Amino acid sequence: MQEVWMFAVVALLIVMVPGVDSLLVLKNTILHGRKAGILTMVGIILALIVWTTLAVLGLAAVISKSLYVFLFIKYAGALYLVYLGIQSWRARAQSVTLQEVAIPEKQPFKNTMLNCMMQGLTTDLLNPKTLLLYVTLMPQFIQSNQAANIQLIILASVLMIIAIFWLGIVVFIINMIRQWFLQPKIQSAFNKVTALVLVGLGVRIATEKI
């Protein structure tokens, strides 16, 4: 039980450090509203469930030891972040109010919400640091005299609960001040800054030795 609490502290610090997940949730909440931020978070959690399943099956360790598969995940993830950055840079600020975006057209709205969820899912599935978290960090908190898979599931569940809690706070706070971000000049500046950060993260992932 002590190991779970120790991991919870480490996981909280990892989740709270500004990164791709927080940035995507922030971006989508500002641009598309609270539901978009929540669905981005749902995509991130779904990716963690996939990684947990792979870890329990032992496939996560196999992937991490396969140079070609690991490099594929690394560079595909980097390219996807660069792609999102380019999209953000090219996005045009729309002069809208919260009342106008509260009742969007159904089909475009559904497509946007699905896209937000897929962004969260794809980004975390292609994040090599998420893979390494499962194959290098979590095993340090697993006791050898107990069922490893059960402990792994518990630790992964703790990570997901903390991620939901923290990203939920991000969505709540940003949604409260969203009207300010919807101003065309502010929105345009935010898109450009977000683009630079996403591209920068993509380049760092591609070039750093993990």
Protein backbone atom coordinates (compact mmCIF):
# COMPACT_ATOMS: atom_id res chain seq x y z
CA MET A 1 0.00 0.00 0.00
CA GLN A 2 2.92 2.32 0.76
CA GLU A 3 4.22 1.83 -2.78
CA VAL A 4 0.84 2.94 -4.19
CA TRP A 5 0.94 6.19 -2.22
CA MET A 6 4.54 6.83 -3.26
CA PHE A 7 3.60 6.25 -6.90
CA ALA A 8 0.58 8.54 -6.51
CA VAL A 9 2.88 11.40 -5.46
CA VAL A 10 5.22 10.76 -8.40
CA ALA A 11 2.29 10.43 -10.82
CA LEU A 12 0.78 13.70 -9.58
CA LEU A 13 4.05 15.51 -10.24
CA ILE A 14 4.30 13.96 -13.73
CA VAL A 15 0.72 14.89 -14.63
CA MET A 16 1.02 18.45 -13.27
CA VAL A 17 4.15 19.25 -15.28
CA PRO A 18 2.95 21.16 -18.38
CA GLY A 19 3.15 18.86 -21.39
CA VAL A 20 1.34 17.71 -24.50
CA ASP A 21 -1.74 16.41 -22.66
CA SER A 22 -2.35 19.64 -20.76
CA LEU A 23 -1.70 21.72 -23.86
CA LEU A 24 -4.19 19.77 -25.99
CA VAL A 25 -6.87 19.95 -23.32
CA LEU A 26 -6.19 23.68 -22.92
CA LYS A 27 -6.29 24.32 -26.68
CA ASN A 28 -9.47 22.37 -27.37
CA THR A 29 -11.31 23.82 -24.37
CA ILE A 30 -10.54 27.36 -25.50
CA LEU A 31 -11.36 26.79 -29.16
CA HIS A 32 -14.37 24.45 -28.86
CA GLY A 33 -15.63 24.58 -25.29
CA ARG A 34 -15.88 22.48 -22.15
CA LYS A 35 -17.18 19.33 -23.88
CA ALA A 36 -14.22 19.38 -26.30
CA GLY A 37 -11.80 19.60 -23.38
CA ILE A 38 -13.50 16.71 -21.61
CA LEU A 39 -13.48 14.56 -24.75
CA THR A 40 -9.79 15.31 -25.28
CA MET A 41 -9.24 14.06 -21.74
CA VAL A 42 -11.35 10.96 -22.53
CA GLY A 43 -9.07 10.24 -25.49
CA ILE A 44 -6.01 10.51 -23.25
CA ILE A 45 -7.53 8.11 -20.71
CA LEU A 46 -8.46 5.64 -23.48
CA ALA A 47 -4.83 5.68 -24.60
CA LEU A 48 -3.71 4.94 -21.03
CA ILE A 49 -6.15 2.01 -20.93
CA VAL A 50 -4.59 0.68 -24.13
CA TRP A 51 -1.08 1.03 -22.70
CA THR A 52 -2.22 -0.65 -19.46
CA THR A 53 -3.64 -3.58 -21.44
CA LEU A 54 -0.40 -3.91 -23.42
CA ALA A 55 1.63 -3.75 -20.21
CA VAL A 56 -0.45 -6.47 -18.54
CA LEU A 57 -0.04 -8.66 -21.63
CA GLY A 58 3.70 -8.01 -21.59
CA LEU A 59 3.63 -6.32 -24.99
CA ALA A 60 4.70 -2.90 -23.70
CA ALA A 61 8.06 -4.31 -22.60
CA VAL A 62 8.47 -6.06 -25.95
CA ILE A 63 7.73 -2.83 -27.82
CA SER A 64 10.21 -0.86 -25.71
CA LYS A 65 12.95 -3.41 -26.48
CA SER A 66 12.24 -3.44 -30.21
CA LEU A 67 14.31 -0.59 -31.63
CA TYR A 68 12.33 -0.27 -34.87
CA VAL A 69 8.90 -0.28 -33.18
CA PHE A 70 10.07 2.16 -30.52
CA LEU A 71 11.53 4.51 -33.12
CA PHE A 72 8.32 4.28 -35.15
CA ILE A 73 6.26 5.36 -32.12
CA LYS A 74 8.78 8.10 -31.33
CA TYR A 75 8.93 9.66 -34.80
CA ALA A 76 5.24 9.13 -35.60
CA GLY A 77 4.37 10.91 -32.37
CA ALA A 78 6.77 13.74 -33.16
CA LEU A 79 5.33 14.15 -36.67
CA TYR A 80 1.78 14.17 -35.31
CA LEU A 81 2.64 16.98 -32.90
CA VAL A 82 4.23 18.97 -35.73
CA TYR A 83 1.08 18.35 -37.80
CA LEU A 84 -1.14 19.65 -34.97
CA GLY A 85 1.17 22.64 -34.63
CA ILE A 86 0.87 23.48 -38.33
CA GLN A 87 -2.91 23.17 -38.09
CA SER A 88 -2.94 25.54 -35.13
CA TRP A 89 -0.71 28.06 -36.94
CA ARG A 90 -2.97 28.06 -40.00
CA ALA A 91 -6.20 28.29 -37.99
CA ARG A 92 -8.04 31.55 -38.37
CA ALA A 93 -9.41 33.31 -35.34
CA GLN A 94 -13.20 33.48 -35.47
CA SER A 95 -15.00 36.39 -33.91
CA VAL A 96 -17.67 34.54 -31.97
CA THR A 97 -19.35 34.76 -28.60
CA LEU A 98 -20.17 32.01 -26.15
CA GLN A 99 -23.84 32.38 -27.06
CA GLU A 100 -23.06 31.79 -30.74
CA VAL A 101 -20.95 28.68 -30.10
CA ALA A 102 -23.44 27.25 -27.60
CA ILE A 103 -25.74 26.04 -30.39
CA PRO A 104 -23.46 24.82 -33.21
CA GLU A 105 -24.57 22.83 -36.25
CA LYS A 106 -24.93 19.19 -35.28
CA GLN A 107 -22.71 17.42 -37.83
CA PRO A 108 -19.71 19.81 -37.74
CA PHE A 109 -20.00 19.84 -33.95
CA LYS A 110 -19.93 16.03 -33.76
CA ASN A 111 -16.93 15.91 -36.10
CA THR A 112 -15.10 18.48 -33.99
CA MET A 113 -15.79 16.60 -30.75
CA LEU A 114 -14.65 13.32 -32.30
CA ASN A 115 -11.51 15.02 -33.61
CA CYS A 116 -10.71 16.35 -30.13
CA MET A 117 -11.03 12.89 -28.61
CA MET A 118 -8.88 11.37 -31.36
CA GLN A 119 -6.21 14.00 -30.77
CA GLY A 120 -5.95 12.95 -27.13
CA LEU A 121 -5.99 9.25 -28.01
CA THR A 122 -3.47 9.45 -30.85
CA THR A 123 -1.05 11.75 -29.06
CA ASP A 124 -0.78 9.51 -26.00
CA LEU A 125 -0.59 6.30 -28.03
CA LEU A 126 2.33 7.79 -29.98
CA ASN A 127 4.09 9.26 -26.95
CA PRO A 128 7.26 7.26 -26.17
CA LYS A 129 7.39 8.78 -22.68
CA THR A 130 4.04 7.18 -21.85
CA LEU A 131 5.46 3.83 -22.96
CA LEU A 132 8.58 4.31 -20.83
CA LEU A 133 6.43 5.26 -17.85
CA TYR A 134 4.86 1.80 -18.01
CA VAL A 135 8.05 -0.19 -18.59
CA THR A 136 10.58 1.72 -16.45
CA LEU A 137 8.81 3.74 -13.74
CA MET A 138 5.86 1.55 -12.72
CA PRO A 139 7.95 -1.63 -12.20
CA GLN A 140 9.90 0.20 -9.49
CA PHE A 141 6.74 0.33 -7.37
CA ILE A 142 5.78 -3.32 -7.89
CA GLN A 143 6.57 -5.80 -5.12
CA SER A 144 7.98 -9.13 -6.25
CA ASN A 145 6.06 -11.13 -3.64
CA GLN A 146 2.65 -10.09 -5.02
CA ALA A 147 0.82 -10.51 -8.32
CA ALA A 148 2.57 -8.14 -10.71
CA ASN A 149 -0.36 -7.66 -13.10
CA ILE A 150 -2.79 -6.73 -10.33
CA GLN A 151 -0.32 -4.19 -8.95
CA LEU A 152 0.24 -2.82 -12.44
CA ILE A 153 -3.50 -2.34 -12.95
CA ILE A 154 -3.78 -0.58 -9.57
CA LEU A 155 -0.89 1.77 -10.37
CA ALA A 156 -2.31 2.50 -13.82
CA SER A 157 -5.72 3.20 -12.27
CA VAL A 158 -4.10 5.65 -9.85
CA LEU A 159 -2.42 7.39 -12.80
CA MET A 160 -5.73 7.66 -14.66
CA ILE A 161 -7.62 9.00 -11.64
CA ILE A 162 -4.96 11.67 -11.08
CA ALA A 163 -4.97 12.56 -14.79
CA ILE A 164 -8.78 12.92 -14.78
CA PHE A 165 -8.63 15.06 -11.63
CA TRP A 166 -5.91 17.40 -12.90
CA LEU A 167 -7.11 17.74 -16.50
CA GLY A 168 -10.66 18.23 -15.19
CA ILE A 169 -9.39 21.21 -13.18
CA VAL A 170 -7.74 22.59 -16.31
CA VAL A 171 -11.00 22.29 -18.28
CA PHE A 172 -13.02 23.90 -15.47
CA ILE A 173 -10.71 26.91 -15.04
CA ILE A 174 -10.12 27.54 -18.74
CA ASN A 175 -13.84 27.26 -19.53
CA MET A 176 -14.54 29.99 -16.97
CA ILE A 177 -12.21 32.47 -18.71
CA ARG A 178 -12.90 31.26 -22.25
CA GLN A 179 -14.76 34.39 -23.31
CA TRP A 180 -11.54 36.41 -23.00
CA PHE A 181 -9.67 33.94 -25.22
CA LEU A 182 -12.36 34.18 -27.89
CA GLN A 183 -11.36 37.72 -28.74
CA PRO A 184 -9.92 37.57 -32.30
CA LYS A 185 -6.53 39.08 -31.43
CA ILE A 186 -6.11 36.93 -28.32
CA GLN A 187 -7.29 33.82 -30.16
CA SER A 188 -4.90 34.44 -33.07
CA ALA A 189 -1.96 34.96 -30.71
CA PHE A 190 -2.90 31.84 -28.75
CA ASN A 191 -3.05 29.76 -31.95
CA LYS A 192 0.44 30.93 -32.94
CA VAL A 193 1.93 30.27 -29.50
CA THR A 194 0.25 26.85 -29.34
CA ALA A 195 1.64 26.02 -32.78
CA LEU A 196 5.18 26.93 -31.76
CA VAL A 197 4.93 24.90 -28.55
CA LEU A 198 3.52 21.82 -30.33
CA VAL A 199 6.15 21.95 -33.07
CA GLY A 200 8.84 22.50 -30.43
CA LEU A 201 7.64 19.47 -28.45
CA GLY A 202 7.58 17.40 -31.63
CA VAL A 203 11.12 18.38 -32.54
CA ARG A 204 12.32 17.70 -28.99
CA ILE A 205 10.77 14.23 -28.95
CA ALA A 206 12.32 13.45 -32.35
CA THR A 207 15.80 14.64 -31.41
CA GLU A 208 16.20 13.76 -27.73
CA LYS A 209 17.74 10.50 -26.62
CA ILE A 210 15.16 8.60 -24.61
